Amino acid sequence: MSVVQVTCINSPFGNLIVKATEEAVVEINIAPSKADHNTKPSLVSGVLAEACIQLEEYFAGKRKEFSVSFVQDGTDFQKKIWAALQKIPFGRTVSYLDIAKLCGSPGAVRAVGRANSTNKIPILIPCHRVIGKNGNLVGYSGGITTKIWLLDHESRHSVNQQLPLF
C-alpha cells in the first residue's frame, strides 16, 4: 500500500484537505469553514504539491483543466460516470439525465446521482457541474453554498459558454 500524504490548503469557501500517494490524488475533503479541521499544512512534494498548485491556480481563475493524476476506487458504473463528469467543459452545467444518457443508461438518473455523491475527488472530477434537469442546484458533498461558488467562479472565468457540450 502506498503512503498517503495529507495537507490542507485554503480556498475561497473554506479549507480543502487534500490526500495523495506518490502516484495520484486520492481524496479531497471540503471543510465547511476555515476552522473546522484538524489537519495542519505539511511539507508536501510530488503529486500532492502539484495538486495544491493546480487548485490554487483554479481558484485564481488561471486554470480551467487539471493535469495532476488522480484515482479513486469504484464500480465500473461509477468510473464511467466519473469519466463522463470530466468531459463537462469548464463553465458549463449538465443535468443528471444528460450524464445518464451520455453513459448509455437514460433510466439511471438516480444511480448517476449516487455515483456523483460518492466522488471523493471533487473539483478535479467536477461533480459540481451537474444540476437537476429543471435547473435546480441539487446536493453537493461540500454544501450548496460551495457548489454555487464553484459554478459562479467558472461562469465568471469562462470564455466558452456558447460551445456545444459534447
Foldseek 3Di string as FASTA:
>chain_A
DFDKDWAWDAAPQEIWIWIDGLQATEFIAGDRHPPPDDGHGDDDDHLVVLVRVQVVCVRVLNDFADDRHHDYDDDPVLVLLLVLLNLFGQLAAEELQVSCVVSVHNPCSVVSVVSLAPDRYDPNSPSLRYDHPVRHRDDDNNDPVVSVVRNVSRNVSDPPHPDDGD
